[in-house]
Amino acid sequence: MLDIALWISIALFAASLMLNVFRLAIGPDLPDRILAVDTMYVNSIALIVLFSIQLNSKAYFEAALLIAMLGFVSTVAVCKYLLRGDIIE
């Protein structure tokens, strides 16, 4: 039962990732593209965690944590650049 639920959730998150790529490609303006990239980070973290559960390995959780930190920092930096025009004051 858990195996079937994992495969279904992996497929749904992969489909969500593809829809985010589509949104990134046709986003009408820059904030939509930033939001698409941020959502791609979240979906990639979910996929890594699901694969980790499926493989019964703890090593992938560290990779998911690293991607989460990089995603947060990069989103904040891009938003700050978008608002002010520079990242470091």
PDB file of N, CA and C in Angstrom:
ATOM      1  N   MET A   1       0.820  -1.198   0.000  1.00  0.00           N
ATOM      2  CA  MET A   1       0.000   0.000   0.000  1.00  0.00           C
ATOM      3  C   MET A   1       0.863   1.260   0.000  1.00  0.00           C
ATOM      4  N   LEU A   2       1.924   1.269   0.826  1.00  0.00           N
ATOM      5  CA  LEU A   2       2.816   2.429   0.870  1.00  0.00           C
ATOM      6  C   LEU A   2       3.548   2.600  -0.451  1.00  0.00           C
ATOM      7  N   ASP A   3       3.886   1.507  -1.082  1.00  0.00           N
ATOM      8  CA  ASP A   3       4.573   1.568  -2.376  1.00  0.00           C
ATOM      9  C   ASP A   3       3.711   2.248  -3.429  1.00  0.00           C
ATOM     10  N   ILE A   4       2.449   1.904  -3.460  1.00  0.00           N
ATOM     11  CA  ILE A   4       1.533   2.505  -4.438  1.00  0.00           C
ATOM     12  C   ILE A   4       1.352   3.996  -4.147  1.00  0.00           C
ATOM     13  N   ALA A   5       1.208   4.347  -2.876  1.00  0.00           N
ATOM     14  CA  ALA A   5       1.053   5.756  -2.505  1.00  0.00           C
ATOM     15  C   ALA A   5       2.300   6.562  -2.850  1.00  0.00           C
ATOM     16  N   LEU A   6       3.475   5.970  -2.660  1.00  0.00           N
ATOM     17  CA  LEU A   6       4.714   6.662  -3.017  1.00  0.00           C
ATOM     18  C   LEU A   6       4.799   6.899  -4.521  1.00  0.00           C
ATOM     19  N   TRP A   7       4.483   5.899  -5.324  1.00  0.00           N
ATOM     20  CA  TRP A   7       4.544   6.064  -6.786  1.00  0.00           C
ATOM     21  C   TRP A   7       3.536   7.094  -7.275  1.00  0.00           C
ATOM     22  N   ILE A   8       2.349   7.094  -6.694  1.00  0.00           N
ATOM     23  CA  ILE A   8       1.339   8.084  -7.095  1.00  0.00           C
ATOM     24  C   ILE A   8       1.798   9.495  -6.722  1.00  0.00           C
ATOM     25  N   SER A   9       2.326   9.660  -5.517  1.00  0.00           N
ATOM     26  CA  SER A   9       2.773  10.983  -5.098  1.00  0.00           C
ATOM     27  C   SER A   9       3.995  11.443  -5.888  1.00  0.00           C
ATOM     28  N   ILE A  10       4.902  10.537  -6.231  1.00  0.00           N
ATOM     29  CA  ILE A  10       6.049  10.902  -7.067  1.00  0.00           C
ATOM     30  C   ILE A  10       5.570  11.356  -8.445  1.00  0.00           C
ATOM     31  N   ALA A  11       4.606  10.649  -9.003  1.00  0.00           N
ATOM     32  CA  ALA A  11       4.075  11.034 -10.316  1.00  0.00           C
ATOM     33  C   ALA A  11       3.388  12.395 -10.259  1.00  0.00           C
ATOM     34  N   LEU A  12       2.637  12.655  -9.196  1.00  0.00           N
ATOM     35  CA  LEU A  12       1.951  13.940  -9.083  1.00  0.00           C
ATOM     36  C   LEU A  12       2.930  15.094  -8.870  1.00  0.00           C
ATOM     37  N   PHE A  13       3.953  14.870  -8.072  1.00  0.00           N
ATOM     38  CA  PHE A  13       4.949  15.932  -7.891  1.00  0.00           C
ATOM     39  C   PHE A  13       5.770  16.149  -9.158  1.00  0.00           C
ATOM     40  N   ALA A  14       6.036  15.097  -9.910  1.00  0.00           N
ATOM     41  CA  ALA A  14       6.739  15.259 -11.185  1.00  0.00           C
ATOM     42  C   ALA A  14       5.880  16.037 -12.181  1.00  0.00           C
ATOM     43  N   ALA A  15       4.579  15.758 -12.196  1.00  0.00           N
ATOM     44  CA  ALA A  15       3.670  16.518 -13.066  1.00  0.00           C
ATOM     45  C   ALA A  15       3.616  17.979 -12.634  1.00  0.00           C
ATOM     46  N   SER A  16       3.622  18.213 -11.340  1.00  0.00           N
ATOM     47  CA  SER A  16       3.631  19.582 -10.831  1.00  0.00           C
ATOM     48  C   SER A  16       4.911  20.314 -11.219  1.00  0.00           C
ATOM     49  N   LEU A  17       6.022  19.593 -11.202  1.00  0.00           N
ATOM     50  CA  LEU A  17       7.292  20.183 -11.614  1.00  0.00           C
ATOM     51  C   LEU A  17       7.269  20.545 -13.091  1.00  0.00           C
ATOM     52  N   MET A  18       6.662  19.710 -13.915  1.00  0.00           N
ATOM     53  CA  MET A  18       6.552  20.014 -15.346  1.00  0.00           C
ATOM     54  C   MET A  18       5.650  21.237 -15.581  1.00  0.00           C
ATOM     55  N   LEU A  19       4.586  21.354 -14.812  1.00  0.00           N
ATOM     56  CA  LEU A  19       3.724  22.534 -14.935  1.00  0.00           C
ATOM     57  C   LEU A  19       4.455  23.802 -14.493  1.00  0.00           C
ATOM     58  N   ASN A  20       5.339  23.674 -13.514  1.00  0.00           N
ATOM     59  CA  ASN A  20       6.143  24.828 -13.111  1.00  0.00           C
ATOM     60  C   ASN A  20       7.127  25.233 -14.199  1.00  0.00           C
ATOM     61  N   VAL A  21       7.698  24.268 -14.892  1.00  0.00           N
ATOM     62  CA  VAL A  21       8.593  24.579 -16.010  1.00  0.00           C
ATOM     63  C   VAL A  21       7.811  25.303 -17.106  1.00  0.00           C
ATOM     64  N   PHE A  22       6.589  24.868 -17.349  1.00  0.00           N
ATOM     65  CA  PHE A  22       5.730  25.527 -18.326  1.00  0.00           C
ATOM     66  C   PHE A  22       5.444  26.965 -17.891  1.00  0.00           C
ATOM     67  N   ARG A  23       5.166  27.163 -16.607  1.00  0.00           N
ATOM     68  CA  ARG A  23       4.898  28.510 -16.098  1.00  0.00           C
ATOM     69  C   ARG A  23       6.146  29.372 -16.171  1.00  0.00           C
ATOM     70  N   LEU A  24       7.297  28.780 -15.963  1.00  0.00           N
ATOM     71  CA  LEU A  24       8.548  29.511 -16.055  1.00  0.00           C
ATOM     72  C   LEU A  24       8.803  29.966 -17.487  1.00  0.00           C
ATOM     73  N   ALA A  25       8.439  29.137 -18.445  1.00  0.00           N
ATOM     74  CA  ALA A  25       8.677  29.471 -19.846  1.00  0.00           C
ATOM     75  C   ALA A  25       7.734  30.549 -20.366  1.00  0.00           C
ATOM     76  N   ILE A  26       6.455  30.526 -19.948  1.00  0.00           N
ATOM     77  CA  ILE A  26       5.499  31.479 -20.506  1.00  0.00           C
ATOM     78  C   ILE A  26       5.052  32.542 -19.517  1.00  0.00           C
ATOM     79  N   GLY A  27       5.732  32.651 -18.384  1.00  0.00           N
ATOM     80  CA  GLY A  27       5.326  33.654 -17.400  1.00  0.00           C
ATOM     81  C   GLY A  27       5.313  35.046 -18.010  1.00  0.00           C
ATOM     82  N   PRO A  28       4.245  35.801 -17.835  1.00  0.00           N
ATOM     83  CA  PRO A  28       4.167  37.102 -18.501  1.00  0.00           C
ATOM     84  C   PRO A  28       5.149  38.135 -17.950  1.00  0.00           C
ATOM     85  N   ASP A  29       5.494  38.054 -16.676  1.00  0.00           N
ATOM     86  CA  ASP A  29       6.449  39.011 -16.134  1.00  0.00           C
ATOM     87  C   ASP A  29       7.375  38.329 -15.131  1.00  0.00           C
ATOM     88  N   LEU A  30       8.329  39.095 -14.630  1.00  0.00           N
ATOM     89  CA  LEU A  30       9.385  38.537 -13.784  1.00  0.00           C
ATOM     90  C   LEU A  30       8.894  37.963 -12.454  1.00  0.00           C
ATOM     91  N   PRO A  31       7.963  38.597 -11.739  1.00  0.00           N
ATOM     92  CA  PRO A  31       7.501  37.989 -10.477  1.00  0.00           C
ATOM     93  C   PRO A  31       6.856  36.619 -10.665  1.00  0.00           C
ATOM     94  N   ASP A  32       6.169  36.402 -11.783  1.00  0.00           N
ATOM     95  CA  ASP A  32       5.608  35.075 -12.050  1.00  0.00           C
ATOM     96  C   ASP A  32       6.705  34.042 -12.239  1.00  0.00           C
ATOM     97  N   ARG A  33       7.763  34.418 -12.895  1.00  0.00           N
ATOM     98  CA  ARG A  33       8.889  33.490 -13.100  1.00  0.00           C
ATOM     99  C   ARG A  33       9.622  33.200 -11.793  1.00  0.00           C
ATOM    100  N   ILE A  34       9.776  34.222 -10.949  1.00  0.00           N
ATOM    101  CA  ILE A  34      10.405  34.009  -9.639  1.00  0.00           C
ATOM    102  C   ILE A  34       9.569  33.054  -8.807  1.00  0.00           C
ATOM    103  N   LEU A  35       8.265  33.237  -8.826  1.00  0.00           N
ATOM    104  CA  LEU A  35       7.377  32.350  -8.084  1.00  0.00           C
ATOM    105  C   LEU A  35       7.435  30.925  -8.627  1.00  0.00           C
ATOM    106  N   ALA A  36       7.557  30.779  -9.939  1.00  0.00           N
ATOM    107  CA  ALA A  36       7.669  29.442 -10.529  1.00  0.00           C
ATOM    108  C   ALA A  36       8.958  28.750 -10.091  1.00  0.00           C
ATOM    109  N   VAL A  37      10.053  29.484 -10.055  1.00  0.00           N
ATOM    110  CA  VAL A  37      11.323  28.893  -9.614  1.00  0.00           C
ATOM    111  C   VAL A  37      11.255  28.512  -8.139  1.00  0.00           C
ATOM    112  N   ASP A  38      10.648  29.359  -7.325  1.00  0.00           N
ATOM    113  CA  ASP A  38      10.507  29.055  -5.902  1.00  0.00           C
ATOM    114  C   ASP A  38       9.648  27.806  -5.697  1.00  0.00           C
ATOM    115  N   THR A  39       8.595  27.675  -6.466  1.00  0.00           N
ATOM    116  CA  THR A  39       7.751  26.486  -6.369  1.00  0.00           C
ATOM    117  C   THR A  39       8.484  25.250  -6.876  1.00  0.00           C
ATOM    118  N   MET A  40       9.367  25.435  -7.852  1.00  0.00           N
ATOM    119  CA  MET A  40      10.168  24.305  -8.324  1.00  0.00           C
ATOM    120  C   MET A  40      11.100  23.806  -7.230  1.00  0.00           C
ATOM    121  N   TYR A  41      11.637  24.721  -6.429  1.00  0.00           N
ATOM    122  CA  TYR A  41      12.457  24.296  -5.296  1.00  0.00           C
ATOM    123  C   TYR A  41      11.651  23.420  -4.340  1.00  0.00           C
ATOM    124  N   VAL A  42      10.456  23.855  -4.017  1.00  0.00           N
ATOM    125  CA  VAL A  42       9.623  23.103  -3.083  1.00  0.00           C
ATOM    126  C   VAL A  42       9.275  21.730  -3.647  1.00  0.00           C
ATOM    127  N   ASN A  43       8.948  21.678  -4.933  1.00  0.00           N
ATOM    128  CA  ASN A  43       8.618  20.388  -5.549  1.00  0.00           C
ATOM    129  C   ASN A  43       9.827  19.469  -5.634  1.00  0.00           C
ATOM    130  N   SER A  44      10.995  20.023  -5.893  1.00  0.00           N
ATOM    131  CA  SER A  44      12.187  19.172  -5.944  1.00  0.00           C
ATOM    132  C   SER A  44      12.534  18.629  -4.560  1.00  0.00           C
ATOM    133  N   ILE A  45      12.312  19.431  -3.525  1.00  0.00           N
ATOM    134  CA  ILE A  45      12.523  18.941  -2.159  1.00  0.00           C
ATOM    135  C   ILE A  45      11.568  17.795  -1.856  1.00  0.00           C
ATOM    136  N   ALA A  46      10.317  17.947  -2.259  1.00  0.00           N
ATOM    137  CA  ALA A  46       9.341  16.879  -2.024  1.00  0.00           C
ATOM    138  C   ALA A  46       9.722  15.610  -2.776  1.00  0.00           C
ATOM    139  N   LEU A  47      10.192  15.748  -4.009  1.00  0.00           N
ATOM    140  CA  LEU A  47      10.612  14.561  -4.765  1.00  0.00           C
ATOM    141  C   LEU A  47      11.804  13.865  -4.121  1.00  0.00           C
ATOM    142  N   ILE A  48      12.756  14.636  -3.637  1.00  0.00           N
ATOM    143  CA  ILE A  48      13.919  14.034  -2.983  1.00  0.00           C
ATOM    144  C   ILE A  48      13.506  13.303  -1.711  1.00  0.00           C
ATOM    145  N   VAL A  49      12.622  13.890  -0.937  1.00  0.00           N
ATOM    146  CA  VAL A  49      12.154  13.237   0.292  1.00  0.00           C
ATOM    147  C   VAL A  49      11.384  11.962  -0.041  1.00  0.00           C
ATOM    148  N   LEU A  50      10.558  12.008  -1.076  1.00  0.00           N
ATOM    149  CA  LEU A  50       9.811  10.809  -1.462  1.00  0.00           C
ATOM    150  C   LEU A  50      10.731   9.694  -1.942  1.00  0.00           C
ATOM    151  N   PHE A  51      11.755  10.051  -2.726  1.00  0.00           N
ATOM    152  CA  PHE A  51      12.721   9.039  -3.147  1.00  0.00           C
ATOM    153  C   PHE A  51      13.488   8.479  -1.956  1.00  0.00           C
ATOM    154  N   SER A  52      13.776   9.329  -0.983  1.00  0.00           N
ATOM    155  CA  SER A  52      14.462   8.871   0.214  1.00  0.00           C
ATOM    156  C   SER A  52      13.602   7.883   1.003  1.00  0.00           C
ATOM    157  N   ILE A  53      12.324   8.164   1.084  1.00  0.00           N
ATOM    158  CA  ILE A  53      11.420   7.233   1.766  1.00  0.00           C
ATOM    159  C   ILE A  53      11.336   5.923   1.006  1.00  0.00           C
ATOM    160  N   GLN A  54      11.289   6.017  -0.315  1.00  0.00           N
ATOM    161  CA  GLN A  54      11.181   4.810  -1.125  1.00  0.00           C
ATOM    162  C   GLN A  54      12.437   3.945  -1.035  1.00  0.00           C
ATOM    163  N   LEU A  55      13.613   4.593  -1.019  1.00  0.00           N
ATOM    164  CA  LEU A  55      14.869   3.851  -0.948  1.00  0.00           C
ATOM    165  C   LEU A  55      15.268   3.502   0.482  1.00  0.00           C
ATOM    166  N   ASN A  56      14.525   4.011   1.463  1.00  0.00           N
ATOM    167  CA  ASN A  56      14.798   3.772   2.878  1.00  0.00           C
ATOM    168  C   ASN A  56      16.215   4.219   3.247  1.00  0.00           C
ATOM    169  N   SER A  57      16.536   5.448   2.827  1.00  0.00           N
ATOM    170  CA  SER A  57      17.856   6.008   3.071  1.00  0.00           C
ATOM    171  C   SER A  57      17.712   7.368   3.744  1.00  0.00           C
ATOM    172  N   LYS A  58      18.619   7.667   4.657  1.00  0.00           N
ATOM    173  CA  LYS A  58      18.585   8.946   5.352  1.00  0.00           C
ATOM    174  C   LYS A  58      19.489   9.984   4.711  1.00  0.00           C
ATOM    175  N   ALA A  59      20.313   9.588   3.771  1.00  0.00           N
ATOM    176  CA  ALA A  59      21.276  10.503   3.173  1.00  0.00           C
ATOM    177  C   ALA A  59      20.606  11.581   2.332  1.00  0.00           C
ATOM    178  N   TYR A  60      19.481  11.286   1.742  1.00  0.00           N
ATOM    179  CA  TYR A  60      18.824  12.245   0.856  1.00  0.00           C
ATOM    180  C   TYR A  60      18.140  13.373   1.618  1.00  0.00           C
ATOM    181  N   PHE A  61      17.856  13.173   2.885  1.00  0.00           N
ATOM    182  CA  PHE A  61      17.236  14.233   3.669  1.00  0.00           C
ATOM    183  C   PHE A  61      18.176  15.420   3.835  1.00  0.00           C
ATOM    184  N   GLU A  62      19.475  15.158   3.920  1.00  0.00           N
ATOM    185  CA  GLU A  62      20.450  16.243   4.007  1.00  0.00           C
ATOM    186  C   GLU A  62      20.496  17.033   2.713  1.00  0.00           C
ATOM    187  N   ALA A  63      20.394  16.339   1.589  1.00  0.00           N
ATOM    188  CA  ALA A  63      20.352  17.034   0.301  1.00  0.00           C
ATOM    189  C   ALA A  63      19.095  17.892   0.187  1.00  0.00           C
ATOM    190  N   ALA A  64      17.983  17.395   0.684  1.00  0.00           N
ATOM    191  CA  ALA A  64      16.743  18.169   0.659  1.00  0.00           C
ATOM    192  C   ALA A  64      16.859  19.414   1.536  1.00  0.00           C
ATOM    193  N   LEU A  65      17.501  19.287   2.668  1.00  0.00           N
ATOM    194  CA  LEU A  65      17.703  20.433   3.546  1.00  0.00           C
ATOM    195  C   LEU A  65      18.611  21.464   2.891  1.00  0.00           C
ATOM    196  N   LEU A  66      19.648  21.020   2.226  1.00  0.00           N
ATOM    197  CA  LEU A  66      20.555  21.929   1.532  1.00  0.00           C
ATOM    198  C   LEU A  66      19.839  22.667   0.400  1.00  0.00           C
ATOM    199  N   ILE A  67      19.024  21.968  -0.356  1.00  0.00           N
ATOM    200  CA  ILE A  67      18.263  22.607  -1.430  1.00  0.00           C
ATOM    201  C   ILE A  67      17.267  23.605  -0.856  1.00  0.00           C
ATOM    202  N   ALA A  68      16.666  23.293   0.274  1.00  0.00           N
ATOM    203  CA  ALA A  68      15.721  24.224   0.907  1.00  0.00           C
ATOM    204  C   ALA A  68      16.426  25.510   1.333  1.00  0.00           C
ATOM    205  N   MET A  69      17.614  25.387   1.910  1.00  0.00           N
ATOM    206  CA  MET A  69      18.342  26.586   2.313  1.00  0.00           C
ATOM    207  C   MET A  69      18.768  27.414   1.104  1.00  0.00           C
ATOM    208  N   LEU A  70      19.283  26.762   0.075  1.00  0.00           N
ATOM    209  CA  LEU A  70      19.685  27.494  -1.126  1.00  0.00           C
ATOM    210  C   LEU A  70      18.490  28.143  -1.817  1.00  0.00           C
ATOM    211  N   GLY A  71      17.364  27.461  -1.824  1.00  0.00           N
ATOM    212  CA  GLY A  71      16.163  28.022  -2.427  1.00  0.00           C
ATOM    213  C   GLY A  71      15.685  29.261  -1.705  1.00  0.00           C
ATOM    214  N   PHE A  72      15.716  29.229  -0.384  1.00  0.00           N
ATOM    215  CA  PHE A  72      15.286  30.383   0.394  1.00  0.00           C
ATOM    216  C   PHE A  72      16.206  31.568   0.169  1.00  0.00           C
ATOM    217  N   VAL A  73      17.507  31.331   0.237  1.00  0.00           N
ATOM    218  CA  VAL A  73      18.468  32.422   0.091  1.00  0.00           C
ATOM    219  C   VAL A  73      18.403  33.016  -1.318  1.00  0.00           C
ATOM    220  N   SER A  74      18.286  32.175  -2.321  1.00  0.00           N
ATOM    221  CA  SER A  74      18.234  32.693  -3.690  1.00  0.00           C
ATOM    222  C   SER A  74      16.941  33.449  -3.957  1.00  0.00           C
ATOM    223  N   THR A  75      15.825  33.000  -3.399  1.00  0.00           N
ATOM    224  CA  THR A  75      14.568  33.724  -3.581  1.00  0.00           C
ATOM    225  C   THR A  75      14.625  35.087  -2.905  1.00  0.00           C
ATOM    226  N   VAL A  76      15.188  35.152  -1.719  1.00  0.00           N
ATOM    227  CA  VAL A  76      15.323  36.430  -1.025  1.00  0.00           C
ATOM    228  C   VAL A  76      16.255  37.361  -1.803  1.00  0.00           C
ATOM    229  N   ALA A  77      17.354  36.831  -2.330  1.00  0.00           N
ATOM    230  CA  ALA A  77      18.298  37.666  -3.081  1.00  0.00           C
ATOM    231  C   ALA A  77      17.673  38.204  -4.360  1.00  0.00           C
ATOM    232  N   VAL A  78      16.944  37.378  -5.077  1.00  0.00           N
ATOM    233  CA  VAL A  78      16.323  37.827  -6.325  1.00  0.00           C
ATOM    234  C   VAL A  78      15.226  38.856  -6.039  1.00  0.00           C
ATOM    235  N   CYS A  79      14.442  38.635  -5.006  1.00  0.00           N
ATOM    236  CA  CYS A  79      13.398  39.599  -4.656  1.00  0.00           C
ATOM    237  C   CYS A  79      14.000  40.932  -4.203  1.00  0.00           C
ATOM    238  N   LYS A  80      15.087  40.868  -3.460  1.00  0.00           N
ATOM    239  CA  LYS A  80      15.751  42.095  -3.032  1.00  0.00           C
ATOM    240  C   LYS A  80      16.331  42.839  -4.231  1.00  0.00           C
ATOM    241  N   TYR A  81      16.885  42.107  -5.164  1.00  0.00           N
ATOM    242  CA  TYR A  81      17.403  42.729  -6.388  1.00  0.00           C
ATOM    243  C   TYR A  81      16.273  43.339  -7.205  1.00  0.00           C
ATOM    244  N   LEU A  82      15.148  42.657  -7.249  1.00  0.00           N
ATOM    245  CA  LEU A  82      14.007  43.150  -8.006  1.00  0.00           C
ATOM    246  C   LEU A  82      13.451  44.440  -7.392  1.00  0.00           C
ATOM    247  N   LEU A  83      13.429  44.531  -6.072  1.00  0.00           N
ATOM    248  CA  LEU A  83      12.885  45.712  -5.418  1.00  0.00           C
ATOM    249  C   LEU A  83      13.855  46.892  -5.374  1.00  0.00           C
ATOM    250  N   ARG A  84      15.129  46.632  -5.079  1.00  0.00           N
ATOM    251  CA  ARG A  84      16.077  47.720  -4.853  1.00  0.00           C
ATOM    252  C   ARG A  84      17.052  47.961  -6.000  1.00  0.00           C
ATOM    253  N   GLY A  85      17.294  46.939  -6.797  1.00  0.00           N
ATOM    254  CA  GLY A  85      18.272  47.095  -7.880  1.00  0.00           C
ATOM    255  C   GLY A  85      19.669  46.625  -7.503  1.00  0.00           C
ATOM    256  N   ASP A  86      19.895  46.345  -6.226  1.00  0.00           N
ATOM    257  CA  ASP A  86      21.160  45.772  -5.793  1.00  0.00           C
ATOM    258  C   ASP A  86      20.904  44.807  -4.644  1.00  0.00           C
ATOM    259  N   ILE A  87      21.831  43.888  -4.450  1.00  0.00           N
ATOM    260  CA  ILE A  87      21.633  42.875  -3.421  1.00  0.00           C
ATOM    261  C   ILE A  87      22.274  43.298  -2.106  1.00  0.00           C
ATOM    262  N   ILE A  88      23.510  43.805  -2.187  1.00  0.00           N
ATOM    263  CA  ILE A  88      24.243  44.223  -0.993  1.00  0.00           C
ATOM    264  C   ILE A  88      24.251  45.736  -0.945  1.00  0.00           C
ATOM    265  N   GLU A  89      23.885  46.267   0.194  1.00  0.00           N
ATOM    266  CA  GLU A  89      23.815  47.729   0.335  1.00  0.00           C
ATOM    267  C   GLU A  89      25.177  48.332   0.561  1.00  0.00           C
TER     268      GLU A  89
END
